[in-house]
Structure formats: C-alpha cells, structure tokens
N, C-alpha and C. Protein backbone atom coordinates (compact mmCIF):
# COMPACT_ATOMS: atom_id res chain seq x y z
N MET A 1 -18.38 21.31 -6.17
CA MET A 1 -18.03 20.15 -6.96
C MET A 1 -18.90 18.98 -6.51
N ALA A 2 -19.52 18.30 -7.45
CA ALA A 2 -20.41 17.19 -7.13
C ALA A 2 -19.62 15.92 -6.86
N ALA A 3 -20.16 15.11 -5.96
CA ALA A 3 -19.51 13.84 -5.65
C ALA A 3 -19.77 12.85 -6.78
N THR A 4 -18.79 12.02 -7.06
CA THR A 4 -18.97 10.98 -8.07
C THR A 4 -19.44 9.71 -7.40
N GLY A 5 -20.10 8.85 -8.15
CA GLY A 5 -20.55 7.59 -7.58
C GLY A 5 -21.74 7.80 -6.67
N THR A 6 -21.67 7.25 -5.47
CA THR A 6 -22.77 7.36 -4.53
C THR A 6 -22.69 8.69 -3.79
N ALA A 7 -23.76 9.04 -3.13
CA ALA A 7 -23.80 10.30 -2.38
C ALA A 7 -23.10 10.11 -1.05
N THR A 8 -21.76 10.22 -1.05
CA THR A 8 -20.99 9.99 0.17
C THR A 8 -20.47 11.29 0.76
N SER A 9 -20.92 12.41 0.24
CA SER A 9 -20.46 13.69 0.76
C SER A 9 -20.96 13.86 2.20
N THR A 10 -20.06 14.24 3.09
CA THR A 10 -20.42 14.37 4.50
C THR A 10 -20.07 15.75 5.00
N GLU A 11 -20.65 16.10 6.13
CA GLU A 11 -20.34 17.39 6.75
C GLU A 11 -18.89 17.36 7.23
N LYS A 12 -18.17 18.42 6.94
CA LYS A 12 -16.77 18.50 7.32
C LYS A 12 -16.63 18.49 8.85
N GLY A 13 -15.74 17.64 9.33
CA GLY A 13 -15.45 17.58 10.75
C GLY A 13 -16.36 16.68 11.56
N ARG A 14 -17.44 16.20 10.95
CA ARG A 14 -18.37 15.33 11.69
C ARG A 14 -17.78 13.93 11.78
N ARG A 15 -17.85 13.32 12.95
CA ARG A 15 -17.32 11.98 13.14
C ARG A 15 -18.17 10.97 12.38
N ILE A 16 -17.49 10.04 11.75
CA ILE A 16 -18.17 8.98 11.02
C ILE A 16 -17.78 7.66 11.68
N VAL A 17 -18.78 6.99 12.28
CA VAL A 17 -18.51 5.76 13.02
C VAL A 17 -19.55 4.70 12.68
N GLY A 18 -19.28 3.48 13.10
CA GLY A 18 -20.24 2.39 12.97
C GLY A 18 -20.56 2.01 11.53
N ALA A 19 -21.84 1.75 11.30
CA ALA A 19 -22.29 1.28 9.99
C ALA A 19 -22.02 2.31 8.90
N GLU A 20 -22.15 3.59 9.24
CA GLU A 20 -21.91 4.64 8.25
C GLU A 20 -20.44 4.61 7.79
N ARG A 21 -19.53 4.40 8.74
CA ARG A 21 -18.10 4.35 8.39
C ARG A 21 -17.80 3.12 7.54
N GLN A 22 -18.42 1.98 7.87
CA GLN A 22 -18.21 0.76 7.09
C GLN A 22 -18.73 0.93 5.66
N THR A 23 -19.87 1.57 5.51
CA THR A 23 -20.44 1.82 4.19
C THR A 23 -19.53 2.74 3.39
N LEU A 24 -19.06 3.80 4.03
CA LEU A 24 -18.14 4.72 3.36
C LEU A 24 -16.84 4.02 2.99
N ALA A 25 -16.33 3.19 3.89
CA ALA A 25 -15.08 2.46 3.63
C ALA A 25 -15.23 1.55 2.41
N LYS A 26 -16.34 0.84 2.31
CA LYS A 26 -16.57 -0.05 1.16
C LYS A 26 -16.59 0.75 -0.14
N ASP A 27 -17.25 1.88 -0.11
CA ASP A 27 -17.33 2.74 -1.31
C ASP A 27 -15.94 3.26 -1.68
N LEU A 28 -15.19 3.73 -0.68
CA LEU A 28 -13.84 4.27 -0.94
C LEU A 28 -12.92 3.18 -1.48
N VAL A 29 -12.98 1.98 -0.91
CA VAL A 29 -12.14 0.87 -1.37
C VAL A 29 -12.47 0.55 -2.82
N LYS A 30 -13.75 0.46 -3.15
CA LYS A 30 -14.16 0.14 -4.51
C LYS A 30 -13.66 1.18 -5.50
N ARG A 31 -13.81 2.45 -5.13
CA ARG A 31 -13.38 3.53 -6.03
C ARG A 31 -11.86 3.61 -6.14
N TYR A 32 -11.15 3.40 -5.03
CA TYR A 32 -9.68 3.45 -5.05
C TYR A 32 -9.12 2.31 -5.88
N THR A 33 -9.64 1.11 -5.71
CA THR A 33 -9.14 -0.04 -6.47
C THR A 33 -9.50 0.06 -7.95
N SER A 34 -10.51 0.87 -8.28
CA SER A 34 -10.84 1.06 -9.70
C SER A 34 -10.02 2.18 -10.33
N GLY A 35 -9.16 2.84 -9.53
CA GLY A 35 -8.21 3.79 -10.12
C GLY A 35 -8.26 5.22 -9.62
N GLU A 36 -9.25 5.59 -8.82
CA GLU A 36 -9.31 6.97 -8.32
C GLU A 36 -8.19 7.20 -7.30
N SER A 37 -7.69 8.43 -7.24
CA SER A 37 -6.63 8.75 -6.30
C SER A 37 -7.22 9.07 -4.92
N ILE A 38 -6.38 8.99 -3.92
CA ILE A 38 -6.81 9.34 -2.56
C ILE A 38 -7.25 10.80 -2.53
N ARG A 39 -6.49 11.65 -3.20
CA ARG A 39 -6.83 13.08 -3.22
C ARG A 39 -8.19 13.32 -3.86
N ALA A 40 -8.48 12.63 -4.97
CA ALA A 40 -9.78 12.77 -5.64
C ALA A 40 -10.91 12.27 -4.74
N LEU A 41 -10.67 11.18 -4.03
CA LEU A 41 -11.67 10.65 -3.10
C LEU A 41 -11.93 11.63 -1.97
N ALA A 42 -10.87 12.25 -1.47
CA ALA A 42 -11.01 13.22 -0.38
C ALA A 42 -11.85 14.41 -0.83
N VAL A 43 -11.60 14.91 -2.01
CA VAL A 43 -12.35 16.06 -2.53
C VAL A 43 -13.82 15.70 -2.72
N SER A 44 -14.08 14.54 -3.32
CA SER A 44 -15.47 14.17 -3.62
C SER A 44 -16.29 13.84 -2.38
N THR A 45 -15.63 13.40 -1.30
CA THR A 45 -16.36 13.07 -0.07
C THR A 45 -16.38 14.22 0.93
N GLY A 46 -15.56 15.24 0.68
CA GLY A 46 -15.51 16.36 1.62
C GLY A 46 -14.70 16.05 2.87
N ARG A 47 -13.86 15.02 2.82
CA ARG A 47 -13.02 14.65 3.94
C ARG A 47 -11.57 14.95 3.62
N SER A 48 -10.70 14.86 4.62
CA SER A 48 -9.29 15.16 4.40
C SER A 48 -8.58 13.97 3.75
N TYR A 49 -7.43 14.27 3.16
CA TYR A 49 -6.57 13.23 2.58
C TYR A 49 -6.23 12.19 3.65
N GLY A 50 -5.87 12.67 4.85
CA GLY A 50 -5.49 11.78 5.94
C GLY A 50 -6.61 10.85 6.36
N PHE A 51 -7.84 11.37 6.39
CA PHE A 51 -9.00 10.54 6.75
C PHE A 51 -9.18 9.42 5.74
N VAL A 52 -9.15 9.76 4.45
CA VAL A 52 -9.34 8.76 3.40
C VAL A 52 -8.21 7.73 3.44
N HIS A 53 -6.98 8.20 3.62
CA HIS A 53 -5.81 7.31 3.70
C HIS A 53 -5.99 6.33 4.86
N ARG A 54 -6.41 6.85 6.02
CA ARG A 54 -6.59 6.02 7.21
C ARG A 54 -7.70 4.97 7.00
N VAL A 55 -8.81 5.37 6.41
CA VAL A 55 -9.92 4.44 6.16
C VAL A 55 -9.47 3.33 5.21
N LEU A 56 -8.72 3.70 4.18
CA LEU A 56 -8.24 2.69 3.22
C LEU A 56 -7.27 1.71 3.88
N THR A 57 -6.35 2.22 4.69
CA THR A 57 -5.39 1.32 5.35
C THR A 57 -6.08 0.45 6.39
N GLU A 58 -7.06 1.00 7.10
CA GLU A 58 -7.83 0.19 8.06
C GLU A 58 -8.59 -0.93 7.36
N SER A 59 -8.95 -0.69 6.10
CA SER A 59 -9.69 -1.67 5.32
C SER A 59 -8.78 -2.71 4.68
N GLY A 60 -7.46 -2.56 4.85
CA GLY A 60 -6.52 -3.53 4.34
C GLY A 60 -6.15 -3.38 2.87
N VAL A 61 -6.39 -2.21 2.31
CA VAL A 61 -6.09 -1.97 0.90
C VAL A 61 -4.59 -1.80 0.70
N GLN A 62 -4.05 -2.42 -0.35
CA GLN A 62 -2.65 -2.22 -0.73
C GLN A 62 -2.59 -0.90 -1.48
N LEU A 63 -1.96 0.11 -0.88
CA LEU A 63 -1.90 1.43 -1.50
C LEU A 63 -0.90 1.44 -2.65
N ARG A 64 -1.24 2.21 -3.69
CA ARG A 64 -0.35 2.35 -4.84
C ARG A 64 0.83 3.24 -4.48
N GLN A 65 1.92 3.09 -5.23
CA GLN A 65 3.08 3.95 -5.01
C GLN A 65 2.78 5.34 -5.51
N ARG A 66 3.54 6.31 -5.02
CA ARG A 66 3.35 7.71 -5.37
C ARG A 66 3.87 8.02 -6.76
N GLY A 67 3.28 9.04 -7.37
CA GLY A 67 3.83 9.64 -8.58
C GLY A 67 3.76 8.80 -9.83
N GLY A 68 4.29 9.39 -10.89
CA GLY A 68 4.29 8.73 -12.19
C GLY A 68 5.64 8.10 -12.48
N ALA A 69 5.91 7.94 -13.75
CA ALA A 69 7.16 7.32 -14.17
C ALA A 69 8.35 8.21 -13.81
N ARG A 70 9.43 7.60 -13.44
CA ARG A 70 10.63 8.36 -13.08
C ARG A 70 11.47 8.58 -14.32
N ARG A 71 12.15 9.70 -14.36
CA ARG A 71 13.03 9.99 -15.48
C ARG A 71 14.36 9.28 -15.27
N ARG A 72 14.90 8.80 -16.35
CA ARG A 72 16.20 8.13 -16.28
C ARG A 72 17.29 9.13 -16.64
N LYS A 73 18.41 9.02 -15.99
CA LYS A 73 19.54 9.88 -16.32
C LYS A 73 20.12 9.46 -17.66
N LYS A 74 20.49 10.45 -18.44
CA LYS A 74 21.11 10.15 -19.75
C LYS A 74 22.51 9.66 -19.54
N ALA A 75 22.89 8.63 -20.29
CA ALA A 75 24.21 8.02 -20.14
C ALA A 75 25.31 8.87 -20.75
C-alpha cells in the first residue's frame, strides 16, 4: 500500500528521533486535523497505532472522539 501525502514511510521498528521525528509529527498533525484517522496514518507510515497516537498527543493535538453516531433507544 502506497503512502499518501509525503513520503513518510519508515522502516518498521526503527527509532525516529530529533528533526526526523519533528518533521513526521508535523505531517501527521496536518493529516490528522484534515480528517485522516489514526489507524489510516499508522498504515500509511508503517508505524503502530500507539506510535502515531503518542506523536499526536506529544504535539498537543486535540484527539477526536471514537466511533460514529450512537443509536438512540426507541421510546
């Protein structure tokens, strides 16, 4: 599966630190705030859901709530 946006695909398990991490964080924040899900970002970058979640929270992003609309009980 090809990465969307910039070429941010990384080797699985390789540590990402310093300027590379900041660049990746900026890209992830931009894509997340434009509507992509954490799971979609994880797949496109080759990183885990937890890694993407951690980078977004470290960057101060307000995370969206889970799931779609809730069903109402019939009266």
